[in-house]
């Protein structure tokens, strides 16, 4: 049996709802073998982040090199990078990689805790954003990357997506989770136009790791050979199911995780 593989480069979440743990669950749920390079260790649970310690840039680079040398991924997802040194190390380590890269610009945890140093933001924009085949910011992240206020309506959302294309990203998924209304709309912004993908907005507090899970689901579908639009559609539909089933897990007392294995077990 041959199974496609994908690599996640991200931070560890001790509560296992987001970060590396969510990415590996997502890969497994979608039939992809997951490998990882850990950029930071976080002490967190459903209520918040209590400590963060970055892994050295050299060790991050060594993890990536080890995976690329022996288990070449068909797609790579990049999440939390913590510091400018790690951003640079990841950019250098991926210098010869030709497969698709999904970049989730993780800056702030759902609890409000910072996950990317301010000085690292410029490095991310300069060195990794142009390497992204798919960039997946939520509305606050897109605004922060552009130095603007968060988009308030569809026209501003699309305009910010196009501005991110101008910075080098090949395609941008402007996630609609932070917007308001009965419908959650993710917009795929490309050089050819905009595709709006809608799902009913669900009433639940158990949404920890949704951004990580969506980006890793897109990477998983790309690893299986899907085109970008098909990968985003499948990832969004799968995540909607994971959110819908999240309350059934009853994990923690804060923002619980989504149900990554809702299609496999209940």
Protein backbone atom coordinates (compact mmCIF):
# COMPACT_ATOMS: atom_id res chain seq x y z
CA UNK A 1 0.00 0.00 0.00
CA UNK A 2 1.36 3.41 -0.97
CA UNK A 3 0.11 6.35 1.05
CA UNK A 4 0.86 10.00 0.30
CA UNK A 5 2.72 11.89 2.99
CA UNK A 6 2.59 15.48 4.18
CA UNK A 7 4.87 17.45 6.49
CA UNK A 8 3.69 19.91 9.11
CA UNK A 9 6.08 22.54 10.46
CA UNK A 10 4.44 24.02 13.54
CA UNK A 11 4.34 24.29 17.32
CA UNK A 12 3.25 21.62 19.77
CA UNK A 13 -0.02 22.01 21.72
CA UNK A 14 0.01 20.00 24.96
CA UNK A 15 -3.80 20.06 24.95
CA UNK A 16 -3.68 18.45 21.47
CA UNK A 17 -6.43 20.60 19.99
CA UNK A 18 -4.26 22.73 17.71
CA UNK A 19 -0.71 22.83 16.34
CA UNK A 20 1.26 19.73 15.43
CA UNK A 21 -1.21 17.44 17.17
CA UNK A 22 -4.20 18.80 15.25
CA UNK A 23 -2.24 18.64 11.99
CA UNK A 24 -1.27 15.01 12.45
CA UNK A 25 -4.84 14.08 13.42
CA UNK A 26 -6.09 15.84 10.29
CA UNK A 27 -3.59 14.09 8.04
CA UNK A 28 -4.55 10.72 9.51
CA UNK A 29 -8.28 11.41 9.27
CA UNK A 30 -7.90 12.25 5.58
CA UNK A 31 -5.75 9.25 4.67
CA UNK A 32 -2.32 10.91 4.57
CA UNK A 33 0.85 9.86 6.44
CA UNK A 34 1.93 12.78 8.60
CA UNK A 35 5.47 13.83 9.44
CA UNK A 36 6.44 16.83 11.55
CA UNK A 37 9.03 19.42 12.46
CA UNK A 38 8.31 21.04 15.82
CA UNK A 39 9.13 24.75 16.10
CA UNK A 40 8.03 25.42 19.67
CA UNK A 41 6.72 23.72 22.78
CA UNK A 42 3.64 25.28 24.33
CA UNK A 43 2.02 24.51 27.66
CA UNK A 44 -1.66 24.95 26.96
CA UNK A 45 -5.10 23.49 27.35
CA UNK A 46 -8.61 24.51 26.32
CA UNK A 47 -8.45 27.55 28.63
CA UNK A 48 -5.23 29.22 27.49
CA UNK A 49 -1.50 29.20 26.82
CA UNK A 50 0.69 29.18 29.94
CA UNK A 51 4.23 28.86 28.58
CA UNK A 52 6.01 28.90 25.22
CA UNK A 53 9.58 27.83 24.47
CA UNK A 54 11.00 27.91 20.96
CA UNK A 55 13.06 25.09 19.54
CA UNK A 56 16.45 26.20 18.20
CA UNK A 57 16.49 27.16 14.54
CA UNK A 58 19.19 24.56 13.88
CA UNK A 59 17.07 21.76 15.31
CA UNK A 60 14.04 22.91 13.31
CA UNK A 61 16.16 22.83 10.14
CA UNK A 62 17.51 19.39 11.07
CA UNK A 63 14.00 17.99 11.53
CA UNK A 64 12.94 19.26 8.11
CA UNK A 65 16.09 17.92 6.45
CA UNK A 66 15.61 14.49 8.03
CA UNK A 67 12.05 14.23 6.72
CA UNK A 68 12.84 15.55 3.24
CA UNK A 69 15.74 13.11 2.93
CA UNK A 70 13.77 9.96 3.74
CA UNK A 71 10.00 10.60 3.58
CA UNK A 72 9.54 13.26 0.90
CA UNK A 73 6.19 14.97 1.44
CA UNK A 74 3.77 15.65 -1.38
CA UNK A 75 2.68 18.80 0.44
CA UNK A 76 3.90 20.91 3.36
CA UNK A 77 1.85 22.87 5.87
CA UNK A 78 3.55 25.65 7.84
CA UNK A 79 1.98 26.95 11.05
CA UNK A 80 3.45 28.53 14.19
CA UNK A 81 7.03 29.70 13.65
CA UNK A 82 7.59 31.69 16.87
CA UNK A 83 10.75 33.66 15.95
CA UNK A 84 12.56 35.36 13.08
CA UNK A 85 15.37 32.81 13.35
CA UNK A 86 12.96 29.93 12.83
CA UNK A 87 11.30 31.72 9.91
CA UNK A 88 14.69 32.05 8.24
CA UNK A 89 15.63 28.45 8.97
CA UNK A 90 12.39 27.14 7.48
CA UNK A 91 12.76 29.29 4.36
CA UNK A 92 16.31 28.01 3.85
CA UNK A 93 15.38 24.39 4.53
CA UNK A 94 12.65 24.50 1.89
CA UNK A 95 14.91 26.07 -0.72
CA UNK A 96 14.94 23.01 -2.96
CA UNK A 97 11.44 21.76 -2.26
CA UNK A 98 9.15 21.91 -5.29
CA UNK A 99 5.85 20.65 -3.91
CA UNK A 100 2.90 22.73 -2.72
CA UNK A 101 3.22 24.73 0.49
CA UNK A 102 0.25 25.81 2.62
CA UNK A 103 1.14 28.70 4.94
CA UNK A 104 -1.10 29.39 7.93
CA UNK A 105 0.21 32.67 9.40
CA UNK A 106 -0.32 31.77 13.06
CA UNK A 107 0.17 34.90 15.15
CA UNK A 108 -2.25 34.76 18.07
CA UNK A 109 -3.88 31.82 19.85
CA UNK A 110 -7.66 31.66 20.28
CA UNK A 111 -7.03 32.60 23.91
CA UNK A 112 -5.37 35.85 22.75
CA UNK A 113 -1.79 34.77 23.56
CA UNK A 114 0.91 35.83 21.06
CA UNK A 115 2.48 32.97 19.10
CA UNK A 116 4.73 34.94 16.74
CA UNK A 117 7.27 37.55 17.84
CA UNK A 118 6.70 40.97 16.30
CA UNK A 119 10.14 41.01 14.72
CA UNK A 120 9.34 37.72 13.00
CA UNK A 121 6.38 39.15 11.10
CA UNK A 122 8.54 41.07 8.61
CA UNK A 123 10.66 37.96 8.02
CA UNK A 124 7.52 35.90 7.41
CA UNK A 125 6.24 38.39 4.86
CA UNK A 126 9.59 38.70 3.09
CA UNK A 127 10.79 35.09 2.99
CA UNK A 128 7.85 32.71 3.35
CA UNK A 129 4.76 34.47 2.06
CA UNK A 130 6.15 34.44 -1.52
CA UNK A 131 6.75 30.70 -1.11
CA UNK A 132 3.12 29.99 -0.21
CA UNK A 133 1.06 28.23 -2.84
CA UNK A 134 -1.91 28.67 -0.51
CA UNK A 135 -2.02 31.29 2.26
CA UNK A 136 -4.78 30.79 4.85
CA UNK A 137 -5.19 33.88 7.07
CA UNK A 138 -8.22 34.66 9.17
CA UNK A 139 -9.42 38.25 8.95
CA UNK A 140 -7.31 39.60 11.86
CA UNK A 141 -4.19 37.84 10.53
CA UNK A 142 -4.70 39.23 7.01
CA UNK A 143 -5.10 42.72 8.42
CA UNK A 144 -1.96 42.37 10.52
CA UNK A 145 0.09 41.16 7.56
CA UNK A 146 -1.05 44.19 5.58
CA UNK A 147 -0.94 46.76 8.38
CA UNK A 148 -4.65 47.50 7.99
CA UNK A 149 -7.86 47.25 9.99
CA UNK A 150 -9.68 43.90 9.80
CA UNK A 151 -12.03 43.61 6.83
CA UNK A 152 -15.63 44.48 7.70
CA UNK A 153 -17.43 43.25 4.58
CA UNK A 154 -16.98 41.16 1.46
CA UNK A 155 -15.42 43.89 -0.67
CA UNK A 156 -12.72 44.63 1.92
CA UNK A 157 -12.08 40.92 2.38
CA UNK A 158 -11.50 40.41 -1.32
CA UNK A 159 -9.35 43.56 -1.53
CA UNK A 160 -7.12 42.32 1.28
CA UNK A 161 -6.88 38.91 -0.36
CA UNK A 162 -5.69 40.58 -3.57
CA UNK A 163 -3.19 42.66 -1.61
CA UNK A 164 -1.74 39.44 -0.18
CA UNK A 165 -1.46 38.05 -3.71
CA UNK A 166 0.54 41.16 -4.57
CA UNK A 167 2.95 40.30 -1.74
CA UNK A 168 3.72 36.99 -3.44
CA UNK A 169 1.23 34.36 -2.28
CA UNK A 170 -0.07 32.35 -5.24
CA UNK A 171 -3.58 31.80 -3.87
CA UNK A 172 -5.20 33.08 -0.68
CA UNK A 173 -8.01 31.61 1.40
CA UNK A 174 -9.58 34.47 3.36
CA UNK A 175 -11.23 32.57 6.21
CA UNK A 176 -14.58 33.86 7.39
CA UNK A 177 -14.72 32.46 10.90
CA UNK A 178 -14.17 35.87 12.51
CA UNK A 179 -16.91 37.55 10.46
CA UNK A 180 -20.53 37.78 11.55
CA UNK A 181 -23.77 36.36 10.18
CA UNK A 182 -25.54 33.04 9.91
CA UNK A 183 -23.23 31.86 7.14
CA UNK A 184 -19.47 31.36 7.34
CA UNK A 185 -17.89 32.26 4.01
CA UNK A 186 -14.32 31.37 3.08
CA UNK A 187 -13.14 33.16 -0.04
CA UNK A 188 -10.48 31.68 -2.32
CA UNK A 189 -8.79 34.66 -3.96
CA UNK A 190 -6.65 33.95 -7.02
CA UNK A 191 -5.25 35.85 -9.97
CA UNK A 192 -8.25 34.57 -11.96
CA UNK A 193 -10.98 35.65 -9.57
CA UNK A 194 -12.76 34.86 -6.31
CA UNK A 195 -14.60 31.71 -5.28
CA UNK A 196 -16.88 31.97 -2.23
CA UNK A 197 -17.42 28.76 -0.26
CA UNK A 198 -20.24 28.83 2.28
CA UNK A 199 -21.22 26.73 5.29
CA UNK A 200 -23.84 27.42 7.98
CA UNK A 201 -22.27 29.05 11.04
CA UNK A 202 -22.42 26.64 13.99
CA UNK A 203 -23.11 27.65 17.59
CA UNK A 204 -20.32 26.03 19.64
CA UNK A 205 -17.40 27.15 21.78
CA UNK A 206 -15.43 24.06 20.76
CA UNK A 207 -13.45 25.56 17.90
CA UNK A 208 -9.89 25.26 19.21
CA UNK A 209 -7.59 24.39 16.33
CA UNK A 210 -9.94 25.20 13.48
CA UNK A 211 -7.33 27.26 11.60
CA UNK A 212 -4.62 24.64 12.00
CA UNK A 213 -7.00 21.89 10.97
CA UNK A 214 -8.26 23.70 7.86
CA UNK A 215 -4.77 24.45 6.56
CA UNK A 216 -3.57 20.91 7.23
CA UNK A 217 -6.69 19.51 5.56
CA UNK A 218 -5.92 21.58 2.47
CA UNK A 219 -2.34 20.26 2.53
CA UNK A 220 -3.63 16.69 2.88
CA UNK A 221 -5.91 17.06 -0.14
CA UNK A 222 -3.08 18.60 -2.17
CA UNK A 223 -0.88 15.68 -1.15
CA UNK A 224 -3.52 13.34 -2.57
CA UNK A 225 -3.37 15.17 -5.88
CA UNK A 226 -6.31 17.58 -5.74
CA UNK A 227 -6.16 21.00 -7.31
CA UNK A 228 -6.31 24.01 -4.99
CA UNK A 229 -10.03 24.80 -5.36
CA UNK A 230 -11.03 21.17 -4.90
CA UNK A 231 -8.67 20.85 -1.92
CA UNK A 232 -10.14 23.93 -0.24
CA UNK A 233 -13.72 22.78 -0.86
CA UNK A 234 -13.06 19.33 0.56
CA UNK A 235 -11.14 20.76 3.54
CA UNK A 236 -13.90 23.24 4.37
CA UNK A 237 -16.63 20.58 4.18
CA UNK A 238 -14.59 18.20 6.34
CA UNK A 239 -13.89 20.89 8.95
CA UNK A 240 -17.56 21.87 9.07
CA UNK A 241 -18.35 18.28 9.99
CA UNK A 242 -15.59 18.29 12.60
CA UNK A 243 -17.01 21.44 14.20
CA UNK A 244 -20.57 20.08 14.08
CA UNK A 245 -19.46 16.99 15.99
CA UNK A 246 -17.17 18.83 18.44
CA UNK A 247 -19.64 19.14 21.30
CA UNK A 248 -19.90 15.37 21.47
CA UNK A 249 -16.28 15.08 22.62
CA UNK A 250 -16.71 17.02 25.91
CA UNK A 251 -13.00 17.86 26.24
CA UNK A 252 -11.84 20.52 28.73
CA UNK A 253 -13.59 23.48 30.28
CA UNK A 254 -12.73 26.17 27.71
CA UNK A 255 -12.53 26.18 23.91
CA UNK A 256 -12.49 22.46 23.20
CA UNK A 257 -11.13 20.80 20.06
CA UNK A 258 -13.01 19.92 16.91
CA UNK A 259 -13.74 16.25 16.23
CA UNK A 260 -11.03 15.35 13.72
CA UNK A 261 -12.24 11.76 13.37
CA UNK A 262 -15.95 12.49 12.95
CA UNK A 263 -16.02 10.59 9.64
CA UNK A 264 -14.36 7.54 11.22
CA UNK A 265 -15.63 7.17 14.78
CA UNK A 266 -18.22 8.82 16.99
